[in-house]
Amino acid sequence: MRSKNVKPDRVVFTALITACGQSGAVDRAFDVLSEMKAEARPIEPDQITIGALMKACANAGQVDRALDVYRMIDKYDIKGTAEVYTISVNCCSQNGNWDFARSIYDDMTRKDVISALVDVAGHAGKLDAAFDVLEEARTKGINVGSMSYSSLMGACSNAKNWQKALELYEDVKGVKLKPTVSMMNALVTALCKSHFS
């Protein structure tokens, strides 16, 4: 490209980072980020660039590195997106980093990552915290969907807490939300785990 006097822009660099991520070349993806900043007129990453780099790290199992990339949002004054928040929270779920997940939750204002945050709390064995996340979201006027309730029901099941599972089921009925198959499976599993434990 450079041999033909074509100057790459942010879109081209982001596409290169995405390609590196898809091929598992995470170190090369970081090299591309460095090349962006080393241009005669430095090109700063945007939320799409950061998302592509985080996805490259996450897909390669480098969750700590993905969380380091998340911190670049502040460095470059980038507005977070649902995708960036979701990737970040999912990385926290993989390494059980509840505190970092909570800080991400504090950063975000979109509902798209509520279910992922509930999932992190469930995997971290913090069932009460998972319920708190859902309640806090509702208090803030965030429309909590069935995926969030399904994640919370899964957390109840993993914790073998059939009482909380039934409480949640009543709550779902109370808000007139149609239970999903995965939610009902988790409820049945929670009831079975408590009975056969």
Protein backbone atom coordinates (compact mmCIF):
# COMPACT_ATOMS: atom_id res chain seq x y z
CA MET A 1 0.00 0.00 0.00
CA ARG A 2 2.74 2.43 0.95
CA SER A 3 4.68 1.47 -2.19
CA LYS A 4 1.74 2.86 -4.20
CA ASN A 5 1.75 6.10 -2.20
CA VAL A 6 -1.53 5.24 -0.49
CA LYS A 7 -1.70 6.68 3.00
CA PRO A 8 -3.57 4.40 5.36
CA ASP A 9 -6.24 5.98 7.53
CA ARG A 10 -7.94 4.84 10.75
CA VAL A 11 -10.33 2.56 8.82
CA VAL A 12 -7.44 0.76 7.11
CA PHE A 13 -5.49 0.38 10.35
CA THR A 14 -8.58 -0.92 12.15
CA ALA A 15 -9.17 -3.44 9.36
CA LEU A 16 -5.56 -4.60 9.75
CA ILE A 17 -6.04 -5.00 13.52
CA THR A 18 -9.21 -7.00 12.87
CA ALA A 19 -7.41 -9.24 10.38
CA CYS A 20 -4.56 -9.78 12.85
CA GLY A 21 -7.07 -10.72 15.52
CA GLN A 22 -8.85 -13.18 13.26
CA SER A 23 -5.57 -14.89 12.44
CA GLY A 24 -4.46 -14.97 16.09
CA ALA A 25 -1.60 -12.50 15.55
CA VAL A 26 -2.28 -10.41 18.66
CA ASP A 27 1.25 -9.02 18.95
CA ARG A 28 1.04 -7.88 15.33
CA ALA A 29 -2.28 -6.16 16.10
CA PHE A 30 -0.50 -4.12 18.78
CA ASP A 31 2.25 -3.34 16.26
CA VAL A 32 -0.40 -1.92 13.93
CA LEU A 33 -1.68 0.27 16.77
CA SER A 34 1.88 1.53 17.28
CA GLU A 35 2.18 2.23 13.55
CA MET A 36 -0.99 4.33 13.71
CA LYS A 37 0.53 6.50 16.40
CA ALA A 38 3.88 6.69 14.57
CA GLU A 39 2.42 8.17 11.38
CA ALA A 40 3.71 11.61 10.34
CA ARG A 41 0.29 12.83 11.41
CA PRO A 42 -0.50 10.41 14.26
CA ILE A 43 -3.81 8.61 13.98
CA GLU A 44 -5.49 7.97 17.29
CA PRO A 45 -7.66 4.89 17.75
CA ASP A 46 -11.43 5.22 18.04
CA GLN A 47 -13.98 2.93 19.70
CA ILE A 48 -14.01 0.62 16.68
CA THR A 49 -10.21 0.28 16.77
CA ILE A 50 -10.26 -0.39 20.51
CA GLY A 51 -13.08 -2.92 20.08
CA ALA A 52 -11.13 -4.76 17.37
CA LEU A 53 -7.99 -4.87 19.52
CA MET A 54 -9.92 -6.06 22.57
CA LYS A 55 -11.63 -8.75 20.51
CA ALA A 56 -8.24 -9.90 19.20
CA CYS A 57 -6.96 -10.26 22.77
CA ALA A 58 -10.13 -11.92 24.07
CA ASN A 59 -10.30 -14.44 21.21
CA ALA A 60 -6.69 -15.39 21.90
CA GLY A 61 -7.48 -15.92 25.59
CA GLN A 62 -5.42 -12.88 26.62
CA VAL A 63 -8.10 -11.45 28.89
CA ASP A 64 -5.77 -9.37 31.06
CA ARG A 65 -4.35 -7.77 27.95
CA ALA A 66 -7.88 -7.06 26.69
CA LEU A 67 -8.63 -5.28 29.96
CA ASP A 68 -5.46 -3.22 29.51
CA VAL A 69 -6.82 -2.17 26.11
CA TYR A 70 -10.09 -1.20 27.80
CA ARG A 71 -8.12 1.29 29.89
CA MET A 72 -7.14 3.05 26.64
CA ILE A 73 -10.67 4.45 26.49
CA ASP A 74 -9.69 7.06 29.05
CA LYS A 75 -6.24 7.61 27.58
CA TYR A 76 -7.66 8.52 24.17
CA ASP A 77 -10.93 10.00 25.48
CA ILE A 78 -12.97 7.43 23.58
CA LYS A 79 -16.69 6.97 24.14
CA GLY A 80 -17.34 3.38 25.14
CA THR A 81 -19.71 1.29 23.08
CA ALA A 82 -21.92 -1.64 24.03
CA GLU A 83 -19.49 -3.96 22.22
CA VAL A 84 -16.45 -2.63 24.11
CA TYR A 85 -18.25 -2.88 27.44
CA THR A 86 -19.54 -6.36 26.68
CA ILE A 87 -16.12 -7.66 25.64
CA SER A 88 -14.62 -6.14 28.79
CA VAL A 89 -17.21 -7.62 31.11
CA ASN A 90 -16.96 -11.01 29.40
CA CYS A 91 -13.19 -10.91 29.97
CA CYS A 92 -13.86 -10.23 33.65
CA SER A 93 -16.16 -13.25 33.64
CA GLN A 94 -13.35 -15.42 32.27
CA ASN A 95 -10.87 -14.41 34.95
CA GLY A 96 -13.37 -13.81 37.78
CA ASN A 97 -12.40 -10.15 38.18
CA TRP A 98 -15.53 -8.88 39.91
CA ASP A 99 -14.03 -5.54 41.00
CA PHE A 100 -12.96 -4.61 37.47
CA ALA A 101 -16.37 -5.67 36.15
CA ARG A 102 -18.03 -3.34 38.65
CA SER A 103 -15.79 -0.48 37.54
CA ILE A 104 -16.82 -1.15 33.94
CA TYR A 105 -20.45 -1.11 35.03
CA ASP A 106 -19.86 2.27 36.64
CA ASP A 107 -18.37 3.48 33.35
CA MET A 108 -21.21 2.36 31.19
CA THR A 109 -24.70 3.72 30.83
CA ARG A 110 -26.09 1.27 28.32
CA LYS A 111 -28.27 -1.72 29.16
CA ASP A 112 -26.48 -4.07 26.76
CA VAL A 113 -24.00 -5.34 29.32
CA ILE A 114 -26.30 -5.89 32.30
CA SER A 115 -26.65 -9.62 31.57
CA ALA A 116 -22.89 -10.01 31.18
CA LEU A 117 -22.28 -8.24 34.49
CA VAL A 118 -24.85 -10.46 36.22
CA ASP A 119 -23.03 -13.43 34.70
CA VAL A 120 -19.70 -12.24 36.13
CA ALA A 121 -21.22 -11.90 39.59
CA GLY A 122 -22.67 -15.39 39.28
CA HIS A 123 -19.33 -16.89 38.25
CA ALA A 124 -17.62 -15.01 41.09
CA GLY A 125 -20.05 -16.64 43.55
CA LYS A 126 -21.64 -13.29 44.41
CA LEU A 127 -25.33 -14.07 44.01
CA ASP A 128 -26.48 -11.14 46.16
CA ALA A 129 -24.32 -8.82 44.06
CA ALA A 130 -25.92 -10.24 40.90
CA PHE A 131 -29.37 -9.39 42.28
CA ASP A 132 -28.10 -5.94 43.29
CA VAL A 133 -26.90 -5.26 39.72
CA LEU A 134 -30.34 -6.08 38.34
CA GLU A 135 -32.12 -3.99 40.98
CA GLU A 136 -29.76 -1.04 40.47
CA ALA A 137 -30.33 -1.15 36.71
CA ARG A 138 -34.10 -1.12 37.19
CA THR A 139 -33.83 1.73 39.71
CA LYS A 140 -31.89 3.74 37.12
CA GLY A 141 -34.68 3.18 34.62
CA ILE A 142 -32.75 0.74 32.45
CA ASN A 143 -35.08 -1.64 30.67
CA VAL A 144 -33.87 -5.04 31.88
CA GLY A 145 -34.55 -7.75 29.32
CA SER A 146 -35.01 -11.49 29.46
CA MET A 147 -31.30 -12.13 28.86
CA SER A 148 -30.44 -10.42 32.15
CA TYR A 149 -33.06 -12.45 33.99
CA SER A 150 -31.79 -15.64 32.33
CA SER A 151 -28.24 -14.84 33.44
CA LEU A 152 -29.46 -14.25 36.98
CA MET A 153 -31.45 -17.49 36.98
CA GLY A 154 -28.28 -19.27 35.82
CA ALA A 155 -26.40 -17.68 38.73
CA CYS A 156 -29.09 -18.99 41.12
CA SER A 157 -28.72 -22.43 39.60
CA ASN A 158 -24.92 -22.38 39.89
CA ALA A 159 -25.24 -21.29 43.53
CA LYS A 160 -27.78 -24.10 44.15
CA ASN A 161 -30.08 -21.48 45.63
CA TRP A 162 -33.58 -22.62 44.74
CA GLN A 163 -35.20 -20.04 47.04
CA LYS A 164 -33.65 -17.15 45.11
CA ALA A 165 -34.49 -18.91 41.83
CA LEU A 166 -38.18 -19.11 42.78
CA GLU A 167 -38.11 -15.51 44.03
CA LEU A 168 -36.70 -14.44 40.67
CA TYR A 169 -39.30 -16.46 38.79
CA GLU A 170 -42.06 -14.65 40.69
CA ASP A 171 -40.35 -11.35 39.87
CA VAL A 172 -40.26 -12.26 36.16
CA LYS A 173 -43.98 -13.01 36.25
CA GLY A 174 -44.59 -9.76 38.15
CA VAL A 175 -42.97 -7.63 35.44
CA LYS A 176 -44.92 -9.58 32.82
CA LEU A 177 -41.81 -10.85 31.09
CA LYS A 178 -42.16 -14.09 29.17
CA PRO A 179 -39.71 -16.63 30.65
CA THR A 180 -37.21 -17.98 28.13
CA VAL A 181 -36.37 -21.65 27.73
CA SER A 182 -32.90 -21.08 29.20
CA MET A 183 -34.45 -19.30 32.20
CA MET A 184 -36.82 -22.20 32.86
CA ASN A 185 -34.03 -24.75 32.40
CA ALA A 186 -31.94 -22.89 34.97
CA LEU A 187 -34.91 -22.80 37.37
CA VAL A 188 -35.49 -26.54 37.04
CA THR A 189 -31.77 -27.19 37.45
CA ALA A 190 -31.67 -25.05 40.61
CA LEU A 191 -34.63 -26.96 42.04
CA CYS A 192 -33.08 -30.32 41.15
CA LYS A 193 -29.67 -29.39 42.55
CA SER A 194 -31.23 -28.39 45.86
CA HIS A 195 -33.32 -31.57 46.03
CA PHE A 196 -30.50 -33.98 45.18
CA SER A 197 -27.70 -32.25 47.10
